[in-house]
Protein backbone atom coordinates (compact mmCIF):
# COMPACT_ATOMS: atom_id res chain seq x y z
CA MET A 1 -93.73 101.07 -25.18
CA LYS A 2 -96.01 98.76 -23.05
CA HIS A 3 -98.95 100.48 -24.19
CA THR A 4 -97.81 100.59 -28.33
CA MET A 5 -97.05 96.59 -28.19
CA MET A 6 -101.14 96.05 -26.54
CA ILE A 7 -102.10 98.45 -29.26
CA LEU A 8 -100.01 96.22 -31.91
CA LEU A 9 -101.10 93.14 -30.46
CA LEU A 10 -104.97 94.37 -30.13
CA PHE A 11 -104.33 95.76 -33.89
CA LEU A 12 -102.93 92.15 -35.30
CA SER A 13 -105.39 90.00 -33.48
CA HIS A 14 -108.28 92.15 -34.85
CA LYS A 15 -106.74 90.88 -38.22
CA LEU A 16 -106.42 87.57 -37.66
CA VAL A 17 -110.00 86.31 -36.42
CA ALA A 18 -110.19 83.23 -38.04
CA GLN A 19 -113.38 82.79 -40.82
CA ASP A 20 -114.86 79.40 -41.75
CA GLY A 21 -116.99 79.08 -44.74
CA PRO A 22 -116.71 81.05 -48.29
CA THR A 23 -114.31 84.27 -48.20
CA ALA A 24 -112.91 86.84 -50.57
CA GLY A 25 -112.79 85.53 -53.67
CA SER A 26 -115.73 82.56 -53.48
CA ALA A 27 -118.70 83.33 -55.87
CA LEU A 28 -122.04 82.93 -54.49
CA ARG A 29 -125.36 81.67 -56.15
CA SER A 30 -128.91 83.50 -55.13
CA LEU A 31 -130.81 82.83 -52.29
CA SER A 32 -134.12 83.82 -50.89
CA GLY A 33 -135.32 83.49 -47.66
CA VAL A 34 -138.48 85.66 -45.67
CA ASP A 35 -138.42 89.04 -44.93
CA MET A 36 -138.59 89.30 -41.20
CA ILE A 37 -140.90 92.29 -41.31
CA THR A 38 -143.32 91.64 -44.51
CA GLY A 39 -143.40 88.12 -44.54
CA LYS A 40 -142.80 88.08 -47.70
CA VAL A 41 -139.89 85.70 -49.73
CA ILE A 42 -137.45 87.43 -51.38
CA ASP A 43 -135.44 86.47 -53.36
CA VAL A 44 -131.77 87.69 -53.59
CA VAL A 45 -130.27 88.14 -57.56
CA PHE A 46 -127.08 89.93 -57.58
CA LYS A 47 -127.30 90.71 -61.42
CA GLU A 48 -130.60 92.48 -60.83
CA SER A 49 -128.67 94.31 -57.45
CA LYS A 50 -127.22 97.98 -57.42
CA ASP A 51 -123.56 98.03 -58.28
CA TYR A 52 -122.56 95.50 -54.69
CA THR A 53 -124.51 93.82 -52.45
CA LEU A 54 -124.07 94.16 -48.81
CA PHE A 55 -124.77 91.06 -46.12
CA HIS A 56 -125.32 92.25 -42.68
CA PHE A 57 -125.10 89.46 -40.38
CA TRP A 58 -126.60 90.29 -37.01
CA SER A 59 -128.61 89.63 -33.85
CA SER A 60 -130.71 91.73 -31.34
CA GLN A 61 -128.39 89.91 -28.41
CA SER A 62 -124.94 91.23 -29.43
CA ASP A 63 -123.80 94.04 -28.21
CA SER A 64 -121.39 94.97 -31.06
CA CYS A 65 -124.32 94.29 -33.25
CA LEU A 66 -125.92 97.17 -31.55
CA THR A 67 -122.40 99.03 -31.19
CA ASP A 68 -122.08 99.10 -35.03
CA PHE A 69 -125.51 99.89 -35.98
CA PRO A 70 -125.53 103.70 -36.07
CA ARG A 71 -121.77 103.80 -38.08
CA PHE A 72 -123.57 101.05 -40.63
CA THR A 73 -126.86 102.94 -41.37
CA ALA A 74 -124.40 106.14 -42.31
CA LEU A 75 -122.14 104.01 -44.13
CA VAL A 76 -125.08 102.41 -46.38
CA LYS A 77 -126.90 106.11 -46.58
CA GLN A 78 -123.13 107.08 -47.95
CA TYR A 79 -122.97 104.10 -50.44
CA ASP A 80 -126.99 104.49 -50.90
CA ARG A 81 -126.76 104.45 -54.93
CA LYS A 82 -124.30 101.68 -55.26
CA LEU A 83 -125.10 99.36 -52.78
CA THR A 84 -128.24 96.72 -52.39
CA VAL A 85 -128.28 95.16 -48.49
CA TYR A 86 -130.10 92.59 -46.64
CA GLY A 87 -129.78 91.68 -42.94
CA PHE A 88 -129.92 88.65 -41.84
CA PRO A 89 -131.02 88.99 -38.13
CA TYR A 90 -129.85 85.60 -36.09
CA GLU A 91 -132.83 85.41 -33.64
CA THR A 92 -134.99 82.94 -31.56
CA LYS A 93 -138.67 83.16 -32.12
CA GLN A 94 -139.07 84.96 -28.92
CA GLN A 95 -136.02 87.60 -29.80
CA ILE A 96 -138.11 88.12 -32.83
CA THR A 97 -139.97 91.23 -31.46
CA ALA A 98 -136.96 92.64 -30.10
CA ALA A 99 -135.12 92.51 -33.57
CA LYS A 100 -137.81 93.83 -34.96
CA ALA A 101 -137.52 97.41 -32.55
CA VAL A 102 -133.37 97.18 -33.74
CA VAL A 103 -135.17 97.46 -37.25
CA ALA A 104 -137.20 100.55 -36.00
CA LYS A 105 -134.63 102.10 -34.00
CA TYR A 106 -131.91 102.30 -36.32
CA LYS A 107 -134.40 102.68 -39.17
CA LEU A 108 -132.62 99.54 -41.03
CA ASN A 109 -135.02 100.18 -44.04
CA TRP A 110 -134.28 97.27 -46.19
CA SER A 111 -134.87 93.74 -46.09
CA HIS A 112 -133.76 90.95 -43.74
CA LEU A 113 -134.06 87.66 -44.02
CA LEU A 114 -134.41 85.87 -40.67
CA GLN A 115 -132.88 82.92 -39.67
CA TYR A 116 -134.11 80.87 -36.39
CA LYS A 117 -131.51 80.19 -34.01
CA GLN A 118 -132.14 77.02 -32.51
CA ALA A 119 -130.42 75.34 -29.34
CA ASP A 120 -128.36 73.12 -31.58
CA ARG A 121 -127.16 76.49 -33.95
CA GLN A 122 -128.68 74.48 -36.68
CA GLY A 123 -131.79 75.71 -39.03
CA ALA A 124 -130.80 78.66 -39.96
CA ALA A 125 -130.25 77.64 -43.74
CA VAL A 126 -128.04 80.91 -44.78
CA ILE A 127 -126.00 81.30 -41.69
CA ASP A 128 -125.09 77.51 -41.75
CA VAL A 129 -124.15 76.81 -45.14
CA LEU A 130 -122.27 80.54 -45.15
CA GLN A 131 -120.65 79.40 -41.43
CA ILE A 132 -121.61 82.40 -40.09
CA ASN A 133 -120.23 81.96 -36.37
CA MET A 134 -119.47 85.72 -35.15
CA PHE A 135 -122.20 88.52 -35.11
CA PRO A 136 -122.32 91.05 -36.57
CA THR A 137 -120.29 89.34 -39.87
CA TYR A 138 -120.61 91.35 -42.94
CA MET A 139 -120.47 90.76 -46.38
CA LEU A 140 -119.93 92.79 -49.61
CA LEU A 141 -120.07 91.11 -52.79
CA ASP A 142 -120.20 92.38 -56.61
CA LYS A 143 -123.05 91.60 -59.52
CA GLU A 144 -121.79 87.94 -59.91
CA GLY A 145 -121.76 87.19 -56.63
CA MET A 146 -118.17 87.10 -55.71
CA ILE A 147 -117.18 88.16 -52.16
CA LEU A 148 -114.86 90.70 -52.17
CA VAL A 149 -114.68 91.13 -48.48
CA ARG A 150 -115.69 89.20 -45.91
CA SER A 151 -115.29 90.52 -42.54
CA ASN A 152 -116.81 90.88 -38.65
CA PHE A 153 -115.50 94.40 -38.81
CA LEU A 154 -116.93 97.32 -40.71
CA GLU A 155 -113.78 99.41 -41.30
CA ASP A 156 -112.67 96.25 -43.56
CA VAL A 157 -115.52 96.44 -45.80
CA GLU A 158 -115.36 100.84 -45.75
CA VAL A 159 -111.90 99.82 -46.67
CA VAL A 160 -113.15 98.11 -49.74
CA LEU A 161 -116.03 100.80 -50.65
CA LYS A 162 -114.01 103.55 -50.86
CA ARG A 163 -110.81 101.56 -52.89
CA LEU A 164 -113.62 100.48 -55.47
CA GLU A 165 -115.22 104.44 -55.87
């Protein structure tokens, strides 16, 4: 009984993570950023994307992110025909080499719009505007830029994608 209660509490706490910033039902406008690998400016235009756009906010310093990468890449592969994916690595200038190594190791073959992490936690435009406070954070959007799900848990994205099939 004690273990069941603990599992139930963990499950409830998983679902009760507070989210600041835009959540499901909010619409985002197009945005742009500099790709960490190519150095090119990338414009994110939802109407020109596949059926759905998936934002993945991550850090090379986050154990949770590193743990999720194998499942995340499998999910992206599974829904490749429907998903346009953008990574948003949140790194200091000194961590960029480590972030690039993560991209290569896990074969994260999509644009990664670098978000510079600063001592006061300001300066990362997209991270600041969307108020991303935990890593990883996932946002699934439709072609109109409407957020379908925003979560720190990949399972929540999987559930919505299955429902949209």
